[in-house]
All heavy atoms as atom14 arrays in JSON, in Angstrom:
{
  "sequence": "VVCFVDTAGAFCALFVFVGAWPMLIFTAFFIFIGMFAYKHRFDK",
  "atom14_mask": [
    [1, 1, 1, 1, 1, 1, 1, 0, 0, 0, 0, 0, 0, 0],
    [1, 1, 1, 1, 1, 1, 1, 0, 0, 0, 0, 0, 0, 0],
    [1, 1, 1, 1, 1, 1, 0, 0, 0, 0, 0, 0, 0, 0],
    [1, 1, 1, 1, 1, 1, 1, 1, 1, 1, 1, 0, 0, 0],
    [1, 1, 1, 1, 1, 1, 1, 0, 0, 0, 0, 0, 0, 0],
    [1, 1, 1, 1, 1, 1, 1, 1, 0, 0, 0, 0, 0, 0],
    [1, 1, 1, 1, 1, 1, 1, 0, 0, 0, 0, 0, 0, 0],
    [1, 1, 1, 1, 1, 0, 0, 0, 0, 0, 0, 0, 0, 0],
    [1, 1, 1, 1, 0, 0, 0, 0, 0, 0, 0, 0, 0, 0],
    [1, 1, 1, 1, 1, 0, 0, 0, 0, 0, 0, 0, 0, 0],
    [1, 1, 1, 1, 1, 1, 1, 1, 1, 1, 1, 0, 0, 0],
    [1, 1, 1, 1, 1, 1, 0, 0, 0, 0, 0, 0, 0, 0],
    [1, 1, 1, 1, 1, 0, 0, 0, 0, 0, 0, 0, 0, 0],
    [1, 1, 1, 1, 1, 1, 1, 1, 0, 0, 0, 0, 0, 0],
    [1, 1, 1, 1, 1, 1, 1, 1, 1, 1, 1, 0, 0, 0],
    [1, 1, 1, 1, 1, 1, 1, 0, 0, 0, 0, 0, 0, 0],
    [1, 1, 1, 1, 1, 1, 1, 1, 1, 1, 1, 0, 0, 0],
    [1, 1, 1, 1, 1, 1, 1, 0, 0, 0, 0, 0, 0, 0],
    [1, 1, 1, 1, 0, 0, 0, 0, 0, 0, 0, 0, 0, 0],
    [1, 1, 1, 1, 1, 0, 0, 0, 0, 0, 0, 0, 0, 0],
    [1, 1, 1, 1, 1, 1, 1, 1, 1, 1, 1, 1, 1, 1],
    [1, 1, 1, 1, 1, 1, 1, 0, 0, 0, 0, 0, 0, 0],
    [1, 1, 1, 1, 1, 1, 1, 1, 0, 0, 0, 0, 0, 0],
    [1, 1, 1, 1, 1, 1, 1, 1, 0, 0, 0, 0, 0, 0],
    [1, 1, 1, 1, 1, 1, 1, 1, 0, 0, 0, 0, 0, 0],
    [1, 1, 1, 1, 1, 1, 1, 1, 1, 1, 1, 0, 0, 0],
    [1, 1, 1, 1, 1, 1, 1, 0, 0, 0, 0, 0, 0, 0],
    [1, 1, 1, 1, 1, 0, 0, 0, 0, 0, 0, 0, 0, 0],
    [1, 1, 1, 1, 1, 1, 1, 1, 1, 1, 1, 0, 0, 0],
    [1, 1, 1, 1, 1, 1, 1, 1, 1, 1, 1, 0, 0, 0],
    [1, 1, 1, 1, 1, 1, 1, 1, 0, 0, 0, 0, 0, 0],
    [1, 1, 1, 1, 1, 1, 1, 1, 1, 1, 1, 0, 0, 0],
    [1, 1, 1, 1, 1, 1, 1, 1, 0, 0, 0, 0, 0, 0],
    [1, 1, 1, 1, 0, 0, 0, 0, 0, 0, 0, 0, 0, 0],
    [1, 1, 1, 1, 1, 1, 1, 1, 0, 0, 0, 0, 0, 0],
    [1, 1, 1, 1, 1, 1, 1, 1, 1, 1, 1, 0, 0, 0],
    [1, 1, 1, 1, 1, 0, 0, 0, 0, 0, 0, 0, 0, 0],
    [1, 1, 1, 1, 1, 1, 1, 1, 1, 1, 1, 1, 0, 0],
    [1, 1, 1, 1, 1, 1, 1, 1, 1, 0, 0, 0, 0, 0],
    [1, 1, 1, 1, 1, 1, 1, 1, 1, 1, 0, 0, 0, 0],
    [1, 1, 1, 1, 1, 1, 1, 1, 1, 1, 1, 0, 0, 0],
    [1, 1, 1, 1, 1, 1, 1, 1, 1, 1, 1, 0, 0, 0],
    [1, 1, 1, 1, 1, 1, 1, 1, 0, 0, 0, 0, 0, 0],
    [1, 1, 1, 1, 1, 1, 1, 1, 1, 0, 0, 0, 0, 0]
  ],
  "atom14_positions": [
    [[196.83, 212.4, 204.1], [196.09, 211.89, 202.96], [194.64, 211.69, 203.34], [194.34, 210.98, 204.33], [196.67, 210.58, 202.44], [195.9, 210.11, 201.22], [198.17, 210.8, 202.0], [0.0, 0.0, 0.0], [0.0, 0.0, 0.0], [0.0, 0.0, 0.0], [0.0, 0.0, 0.0], [0.0, 0.0, 0.0], [0.0, 0.0, 0.0], [0.0, 0.0, 0.0]],
    [[193.72, 212.31, 202.62], [192.3, 212.12, 202.82], [191.69, 211.38, 201.62], [191.87, 211.87, 200.46], [191.57, 213.48, 203.01], [190.07, 213.27, 203.27], [192.22, 214.27, 204.13], [0.0, 0.0, 0.0], [0.0, 0.0, 0.0], [0.0, 0.0, 0.0], [0.0, 0.0, 0.0], [0.0, 0.0, 0.0], [0.0, 0.0, 0.0], [0.0, 0.0, 0.0]],
    [[191.09, 210.23, 201.83], [190.56, 209.39, 200.76], [189.02, 209.31, 200.84], [188.49, 209.16, 201.98], [191.13, 207.99, 200.78], [192.95, 207.92, 200.45], [0.0, 0.0, 0.0], [0.0, 0.0, 0.0], [0.0, 0.0, 0.0], [0.0, 0.0, 0.0], [0.0, 0.0, 0.0], [0.0, 0.0, 0.0], [0.0, 0.0, 0.0], [0.0, 0.0, 0.0]],
    [[188.36, 209.41, 199.73], [186.91, 209.18, 199.62], [186.67, 207.98, 198.7], [186.9, 208.06, 197.52], [186.22, 210.45, 199.06], [186.32, 211.66, 199.94], [187.36, 212.54, 199.8], [185.35, 211.89, 200.92], [187.45, 213.68, 200.6], [185.42, 213.03, 201.7], [186.47, 213.89, 201.56], [0.0, 0.0, 0.0], [0.0, 0.0, 0.0], [0.0, 0.0, 0.0]],
    [[186.18, 206.92, 199.33], [185.96, 205.68, 198.58], [184.46, 205.65, 198.25], [183.59, 205.57, 199.14], [186.35, 204.41, 199.37], [186.11, 203.16, 198.55], [187.85, 204.53, 199.72], [0.0, 0.0, 0.0], [0.0, 0.0, 0.0], [0.0, 0.0, 0.0], [0.0, 0.0, 0.0], [0.0, 0.0, 0.0], [0.0, 0.0, 0.0], [0.0, 0.0, 0.0]],
    [[184.11, 205.67, 196.97], [182.72, 205.71, 196.55], [182.61, 204.93, 195.25], [182.55, 205.49, 194.16], [182.28, 207.15, 196.36], [180.81, 207.24, 195.93], [180.02, 206.31, 196.24], [180.45, 208.22, 195.26], [0.0, 0.0, 0.0], [0.0, 0.0, 0.0], [0.0, 0.0, 0.0], [0.0, 0.0, 0.0], [0.0, 0.0, 0.0], [0.0, 0.0, 0.0]],
    [[182.55, 203.61, 195.3], [182.51, 202.82, 194.11], [181.58, 201.61, 194.29], [181.46, 201.11, 195.44], [183.92, 202.28, 193.73], [183.82, 201.48, 192.58], [184.53, 201.51, 194.85], [0.0, 0.0, 0.0], [0.0, 0.0, 0.0], [0.0, 0.0, 0.0], [0.0, 0.0, 0.0], [0.0, 0.0, 0.0], [0.0, 0.0, 0.0], [0.0, 0.0, 0.0]],
    [[180.95, 201.19, 193.24], [180.08, 200.03, 193.33], [180.88, 198.75, 193.17], [180.28, 197.66, 193.29], [179.03, 200.12, 192.23], [0.0, 0.0, 0.0], [0.0, 0.0, 0.0], [0.0, 0.0, 0.0], [0.0, 0.0, 0.0], [0.0, 0.0, 0.0], [0.0, 0.0, 0.0], [0.0, 0.0, 0.0], [0.0, 0.0, 0.0], [0.0, 0.0, 0.0]],
    [[182.16, 198.86, 192.93], [182.97, 197.66, 192.77], [183.49, 197.53, 191.37], [183.54, 198.48, 190.59], [0.0, 0.0, 0.0], [0.0, 0.0, 0.0], [0.0, 0.0, 0.0], [0.0, 0.0, 0.0], [0.0, 0.0, 0.0], [0.0, 0.0, 0.0], [0.0, 0.0, 0.0], [0.0, 0.0, 0.0], [0.0, 0.0, 0.0], [0.0, 0.0, 0.0]],
    [[183.9, 196.31, 190.98], [184.44, 196.07, 189.64], [183.38, 196.28, 188.6], [182.2, 195.96, 188.81], [185.0, 194.65, 189.55], [0.0, 0.0, 0.0], [0.0, 0.0, 0.0], [0.0, 0.0, 0.0], [0.0, 0.0, 0.0], [0.0, 0.0, 0.0], [0.0, 0.0, 0.0], [0.0, 0.0, 0.0], [0.0, 0.0, 0.0], [0.0, 0.0, 0.0]],
    [[183.76, 196.86, 187.47], [182.82, 197.14, 186.38], [182.35, 195.79, 185.8], [183.17, 194.97, 185.36], [183.53, 197.98, 185.31], [182.62, 198.41, 184.23], [181.45, 199.18, 184.52], [182.86, 198.11, 182.92], [180.57, 199.56, 183.51], [182.02, 198.52, 181.88], [180.87, 199.27, 182.22], [0.0, 0.0, 0.0], [0.0, 0.0, 0.0], [0.0, 0.0, 0.0]],
    [[181.04, 195.59, 185.75], [180.51, 194.3, 185.29], [179.73, 194.4, 184.01], [178.88, 193.54, 183.73], [179.62, 193.69, 186.41], [178.42, 194.83, 187.11], [0.0, 0.0, 0.0], [0.0, 0.0, 0.0], [0.0, 0.0, 0.0], [0.0, 0.0, 0.0], [0.0, 0.0, 0.0], [0.0, 0.0, 0.0], [0.0, 0.0, 0.0], [0.0, 0.0, 0.0]],
    [[179.92, 195.49, 183.29], [179.44, 195.6, 181.89], [177.93, 195.32, 181.79], [177.1, 195.77, 182.58], [180.24, 194.75, 180.95], [0.0, 0.0, 0.0], [0.0, 0.0, 0.0], [0.0, 0.0, 0.0], [0.0, 0.0, 0.0], [0.0, 0.0, 0.0], [0.0, 0.0, 0.0], [0.0, 0.0, 0.0], [0.0, 0.0, 0.0], [0.0, 0.0, 0.0]],
    [[177.54, 194.49, 180.73], [176.13, 194.33, 180.39], [175.35, 193.59, 181.44], [174.12, 193.67, 181.5], [176.02, 193.63, 179.05], [176.51, 194.4, 177.85], [176.4, 193.53, 176.6], [175.73, 195.69, 177.65], [0.0, 0.0, 0.0], [0.0, 0.0, 0.0], [0.0, 0.0, 0.0], [0.0, 0.0, 0.0], [0.0, 0.0, 0.0], [0.0, 0.0, 0.0]],
    [[176.0, 192.79, 182.32], [175.27, 192.03, 183.3], [174.53, 192.99, 184.26], [173.49, 192.63, 184.8], [176.24, 191.19, 184.15], [176.65, 189.94, 183.43], [177.75, 189.96, 182.59], [175.95, 188.79, 183.54], [178.16, 188.82, 181.94], [176.34, 187.62, 182.87], [177.43, 187.62, 182.04], [0.0, 0.0, 0.0], [0.0, 0.0, 0.0], [0.0, 0.0, 0.0]],
    [[174.99, 194.17, 184.38], [174.35, 195.14, 185.3], [173.01, 195.54, 184.75], [172.03, 195.7, 185.5], [175.23, 196.39, 185.45], [174.53, 197.43, 186.28], [176.54, 196.01, 186.13], [0.0, 0.0, 0.0], [0.0, 0.0, 0.0], [0.0, 0.0, 0.0], [0.0, 0.0, 0.0], [0.0, 0.0, 0.0], [0.0, 0.0, 0.0], [0.0, 0.0, 0.0]],
    [[172.86, 195.6, 183.44], [171.7, 196.18, 182.85], [170.66, 195.16, 182.41], [169.45, 195.4, 182.46], [172.1, 197.04, 181.62], [173.12, 198.1, 181.97], [174.46, 197.92, 181.57], [172.77, 199.2, 182.7], [175.37, 198.86, 181.92], [173.73, 200.15, 183.0], [175.01, 199.98, 182.61], [0.0, 0.0, 0.0], [0.0, 0.0, 0.0], [0.0, 0.0, 0.0]],
    [[171.08, 193.98, 181.94], [170.13, 193.05, 181.38], [169.96, 191.79, 182.21], [169.17, 190.94, 181.87], [170.52, 192.69, 179.92], [170.59, 193.9, 179.05], [171.84, 191.95, 179.91], [0.0, 0.0, 0.0], [0.0, 0.0, 0.0], [0.0, 0.0, 0.0], [0.0, 0.0, 0.0], [0.0, 0.0, 0.0], [0.0, 0.0, 0.0], [0.0, 0.0, 0.0]],
    [[170.8, 191.67, 183.23], [170.69, 190.43, 184.05], [171.58, 189.33, 183.5], [172.01, 189.32, 182.38], [0.0, 0.0, 0.0], [0.0, 0.0, 0.0], [0.0, 0.0, 0.0], [0.0, 0.0, 0.0], [0.0, 0.0, 0.0], [0.0, 0.0, 0.0], [0.0, 0.0, 0.0], [0.0, 0.0, 0.0], [0.0, 0.0, 0.0], [0.0, 0.0, 0.0]],
    [[171.79, 188.32, 184.34], [172.78, 187.29, 184.0], [172.26, 186.31, 182.95], [172.89, 186.0, 181.98], [173.19, 186.53, 185.27], [0.0, 0.0, 0.0], [0.0, 0.0, 0.0], [0.0, 0.0, 0.0], [0.0, 0.0, 0.0], [0.0, 0.0, 0.0], [0.0, 0.0, 0.0], [0.0, 0.0, 0.0], [0.0, 0.0, 0.0], [0.0, 0.0, 0.0]],
    [[171.02, 185.78, 183.17], [170.53, 184.71, 182.27], [170.33, 185.19, 180.85], [170.78, 184.53, 179.94], [169.22, 184.14, 182.85], [169.45, 183.15, 183.91], [169.2, 183.29, 185.27], [170.1, 181.87, 183.77], [169.62, 182.17, 185.95], [170.14, 181.28, 185.05], [170.58, 181.18, 182.69], [170.68, 180.01, 185.28], [171.11, 179.86, 182.89], [171.14, 179.34, 184.23]],
    [[169.69, 186.33, 180.6], [169.59, 186.78, 179.21], [170.95, 187.0, 178.56], [171.15, 186.72, 177.38], [168.78, 188.11, 179.33], [168.05, 187.96, 180.58], [168.91, 187.19, 181.5], [0.0, 0.0, 0.0], [0.0, 0.0, 0.0], [0.0, 0.0, 0.0], [0.0, 0.0, 0.0], [0.0, 0.0, 0.0], [0.0, 0.0, 0.0], [0.0, 0.0, 0.0]],
    [[171.87, 187.51, 179.35], [173.21, 187.75, 178.77], [173.91, 186.45, 178.43], [174.57, 186.33, 177.42], [174.04, 188.55, 179.78], [175.38, 189.02, 179.19], [175.18, 190.05, 177.79], [176.87, 190.03, 177.13], [0.0, 0.0, 0.0], [0.0, 0.0, 0.0], [0.0, 0.0, 0.0], [0.0, 0.0, 0.0], [0.0, 0.0, 0.0], [0.0, 0.0, 0.0]],
    [[173.78, 185.43, 179.27], [174.4, 184.15, 178.98], [173.79, 183.53, 177.72], [174.54, 182.97, 176.87], [174.19, 183.19, 180.19], [175.01, 183.5, 181.43], [174.62, 182.6, 182.6], [176.51, 183.32, 181.12], [0.0, 0.0, 0.0], [0.0, 0.0, 0.0], [0.0, 0.0, 0.0], [0.0, 0.0, 0.0], [0.0, 0.0, 0.0], [0.0, 0.0, 0.0]],
    [[172.46, 183.58, 177.58], [171.85, 183.04, 176.37], [172.28, 183.82, 175.14], [172.57, 183.26, 174.07], [170.29, 183.13, 176.53], [169.88, 182.18, 177.69], [169.62, 182.67, 175.22], [168.42, 182.34, 178.05], [0.0, 0.0, 0.0], [0.0, 0.0, 0.0], [0.0, 0.0, 0.0], [0.0, 0.0, 0.0], [0.0, 0.0, 0.0], [0.0, 0.0, 0.0]],
    [[172.31, 185.13, 175.26], [172.76, 186.01, 174.17], [174.17, 185.66, 173.77], [174.51, 185.53, 172.58], [172.63, 187.46, 174.65], [172.99, 188.48, 173.61], [172.04, 188.81, 172.63], [174.22, 189.1, 173.61], [172.33, 189.77, 171.67], [174.49, 190.06, 172.64], [173.56, 190.38, 171.67], [0.0, 0.0, 0.0], [0.0, 0.0, 0.0], [0.0, 0.0, 0.0]],
    [[175.11, 185.5, 174.7], [176.48, 185.18, 174.43], [176.63, 183.8, 173.78], [177.36, 183.62, 172.83], [177.32, 185.2, 175.72], [177.15, 186.52, 176.33], [178.79, 184.98, 175.42], [0.0, 0.0, 0.0], [0.0, 0.0, 0.0], [0.0, 0.0, 0.0], [0.0, 0.0, 0.0], [0.0, 0.0, 0.0], [0.0, 0.0, 0.0], [0.0, 0.0, 0.0]],
    [[175.89, 182.78, 174.29], [175.97, 181.46, 173.76], [175.49, 181.43, 172.34], [176.08, 180.71, 171.47], [175.15, 180.5, 174.63], [0.0, 0.0, 0.0], [0.0, 0.0, 0.0], [0.0, 0.0, 0.0], [0.0, 0.0, 0.0], [0.0, 0.0, 0.0], [0.0, 0.0, 0.0], [0.0, 0.0, 0.0], [0.0, 0.0, 0.0], [0.0, 0.0, 0.0]],
    [[174.44, 182.2, 172.03], [173.91, 182.23, 170.64], [174.94, 182.74, 169.69], [175.18, 182.17, 168.61], [172.64, 183.06, 170.62], [172.12, 183.33, 169.26], [171.43, 182.34, 168.56], [172.3, 184.57, 168.65], [170.92, 182.55, 167.29], [171.8, 184.8, 167.36], [171.13, 183.79, 166.69], [0.0, 0.0, 0.0], [0.0, 0.0, 0.0], [0.0, 0.0, 0.0]],
    [[175.62, 183.82, 170.05], [176.59, 184.38, 169.14], [177.87, 183.55, 169.04], [178.52, 183.57, 167.98], [176.94, 185.85, 169.55], [175.96, 186.85, 168.99], [174.87, 187.24, 169.69], [176.21, 187.34, 167.74], [173.99, 188.18, 169.13], [175.3, 188.28, 167.14], [174.2, 188.67, 167.89], [0.0, 0.0, 0.0], [0.0, 0.0, 0.0], [0.0, 0.0, 0.0]],
    [[178.2, 182.82, 170.08], [179.34, 181.89, 169.98], [179.02, 180.8, 168.97], [179.83, 180.43, 168.14], [179.66, 181.28, 171.36], [180.24, 182.4, 172.28], [180.62, 180.14, 171.22], [180.5, 181.94, 173.69], [0.0, 0.0, 0.0], [0.0, 0.0, 0.0], [0.0, 0.0, 0.0], [0.0, 0.0, 0.0], [0.0, 0.0, 0.0], [0.0, 0.0, 0.0]],
    [[177.79, 180.28, 169.02], [177.36, 179.24, 168.08], [177.39, 179.77, 166.64], [177.89, 179.09, 165.76], [175.96, 178.76, 168.45], [175.35, 177.8, 167.46], [175.73, 176.48, 167.38], [174.42, 178.26, 166.52], [175.26, 175.6, 166.45], [173.88, 177.39, 165.59], [174.29, 176.08, 165.53], [0.0, 0.0, 0.0], [0.0, 0.0, 0.0], [0.0, 0.0, 0.0]],
    [[176.84, 180.97, 166.45], [176.82, 181.56, 165.08], [178.26, 181.8, 164.62], [178.59, 181.5, 163.42], [176.05, 182.89, 165.1], [174.58, 182.66, 165.34], [176.24, 183.64, 163.8], [173.85, 181.84, 164.31], [0.0, 0.0, 0.0], [0.0, 0.0, 0.0], [0.0, 0.0, 0.0], [0.0, 0.0, 0.0], [0.0, 0.0, 0.0], [0.0, 0.0, 0.0]],
    [[179.14, 182.24, 165.49], [180.52, 182.45, 165.08], [181.23, 181.19, 164.68], [181.93, 181.15, 163.68], [0.0, 0.0, 0.0], [0.0, 0.0, 0.0], [0.0, 0.0, 0.0], [0.0, 0.0, 0.0], [0.0, 0.0, 0.0], [0.0, 0.0, 0.0], [0.0, 0.0, 0.0], [0.0, 0.0, 0.0], [0.0, 0.0, 0.0], [0.0, 0.0, 0.0]],
    [[181.05, 180.11, 165.44], [181.65, 178.82, 165.14], [181.12, 178.3, 163.81], [181.86, 177.75, 163.02], [181.4, 177.82, 166.27], [182.08, 178.18, 167.58], [181.64, 177.1, 168.94], [182.26, 175.54, 168.31], [0.0, 0.0, 0.0], [0.0, 0.0, 0.0], [0.0, 0.0, 0.0], [0.0, 0.0, 0.0], [0.0, 0.0, 0.0], [0.0, 0.0, 0.0]],
    [[179.81, 178.42, 163.58], [179.22, 177.92, 162.33], [179.77, 178.69, 161.16], [180.12, 178.12, 160.12], [177.67, 178.12, 162.44], [176.94, 177.64, 161.2], [176.65, 176.31, 161.03], [176.57, 178.54, 160.21], [175.96, 175.88, 159.89], [175.92, 178.14, 159.06], [175.61, 176.81, 158.94], [0.0, 0.0, 0.0], [0.0, 0.0, 0.0], [0.0, 0.0, 0.0]],
    [[179.85, 180.05, 161.28], [180.36, 180.85, 160.17], [181.86, 180.53, 159.89], [182.25, 180.44, 158.74], [180.21, 182.34, 160.48], [0.0, 0.0, 0.0], [0.0, 0.0, 0.0], [0.0, 0.0, 0.0], [0.0, 0.0, 0.0], [0.0, 0.0, 0.0], [0.0, 0.0, 0.0], [0.0, 0.0, 0.0], [0.0, 0.0, 0.0], [0.0, 0.0, 0.0]],
    [[182.59, 180.36, 160.95], [184.03, 180.03, 160.75], [184.2, 178.73, 160.01], [184.99, 178.6, 159.08], [184.7, 179.99, 162.1], [186.21, 179.78, 162.03], [187.09, 180.9, 161.86], [186.76, 178.52, 162.08], [188.45, 180.66, 161.77], [188.12, 178.32, 161.99], [188.96, 179.4, 161.84], [190.3, 179.23, 161.77], [0.0, 0.0, 0.0], [0.0, 0.0, 0.0]],
    [[183.45, 177.72, 160.43], [183.58, 176.37, 159.81], [183.2, 176.43, 158.33], [183.95, 175.94, 157.51], [182.65, 175.38, 160.54], [182.7, 173.97, 159.95], [181.82, 173.07, 160.78], [181.79, 171.67, 160.16], [183.12, 171.05, 160.14], [0.0, 0.0, 0.0], [0.0, 0.0, 0.0], [0.0, 0.0, 0.0], [0.0, 0.0, 0.0], [0.0, 0.0, 0.0]],
    [[182.11, 177.09, 158.02], [181.64, 177.1, 156.59], [182.44, 178.02, 155.75], [182.49, 177.91, 154.52], [180.15, 177.46, 156.54], [179.28, 176.32, 156.92], [178.67, 175.51, 155.95], [178.93, 175.8, 158.11], [177.97, 174.58, 156.53], [178.09, 174.71, 157.86], [0.0, 0.0, 0.0], [0.0, 0.0, 0.0], [0.0, 0.0, 0.0], [0.0, 0.0, 0.0]],
    [[183.11, 178.96, 156.37], [183.93, 179.92, 155.59], [185.27, 179.3, 155.17], [185.75, 179.55, 154.08], [184.17, 181.2, 156.38], [184.92, 182.25, 155.57], [185.13, 183.52, 156.38], [185.79, 184.52, 155.58], [186.11, 185.72, 156.08], [185.87, 185.99, 157.32], [186.74, 186.61, 155.31], [0.0, 0.0, 0.0], [0.0, 0.0, 0.0], [0.0, 0.0, 0.0]],
    [[185.83, 178.51, 156.07], [187.22, 178.05, 155.8], [187.3, 176.53, 155.49], [187.99, 176.16, 154.62], [188.08, 178.37, 157.06], [188.18, 179.83, 157.32], [187.97, 180.29, 158.63], [188.39, 180.73, 156.31], [188.02, 181.66, 158.89], [188.45, 182.07, 156.56], [188.28, 182.52, 157.88], [0.0, 0.0, 0.0], [0.0, 0.0, 0.0], [0.0, 0.0, 0.0]],
    [[186.53, 175.72, 156.28], [186.71, 174.28, 156.11], [186.34, 173.8, 154.74], [186.91, 172.91, 154.14], [185.88, 173.55, 157.15], [186.51, 173.69, 158.54], [187.58, 174.31, 158.6], [185.9, 173.19, 159.5], [0.0, 0.0, 0.0], [0.0, 0.0, 0.0], [0.0, 0.0, 0.0], [0.0, 0.0, 0.0], [0.0, 0.0, 0.0], [0.0, 0.0, 0.0]],
    [[185.25, 174.4, 154.12], [184.83, 173.94, 152.82], [185.82, 174.32, 151.72], [185.81, 173.75, 150.64], [183.43, 174.56, 152.47], [182.34, 173.89, 153.25], [180.96, 174.38, 152.72], [179.86, 173.61, 153.51], [178.5, 174.04, 153.02], [0.0, 0.0, 0.0], [0.0, 0.0, 0.0], [0.0, 0.0, 0.0], [0.0, 0.0, 0.0], [0.0, 0.0, 0.0]]
  ]
}
């Protein structure tokens, strides 16, 4: 068996391209918007 290992590791999606901090802020913003929309859509 001949193996060629050529990988950068586990796939890390958007963090690879935009960096960690912008992605965290981006994710937190949409979580807040989602929670707000859910509350006003159903609770009222």
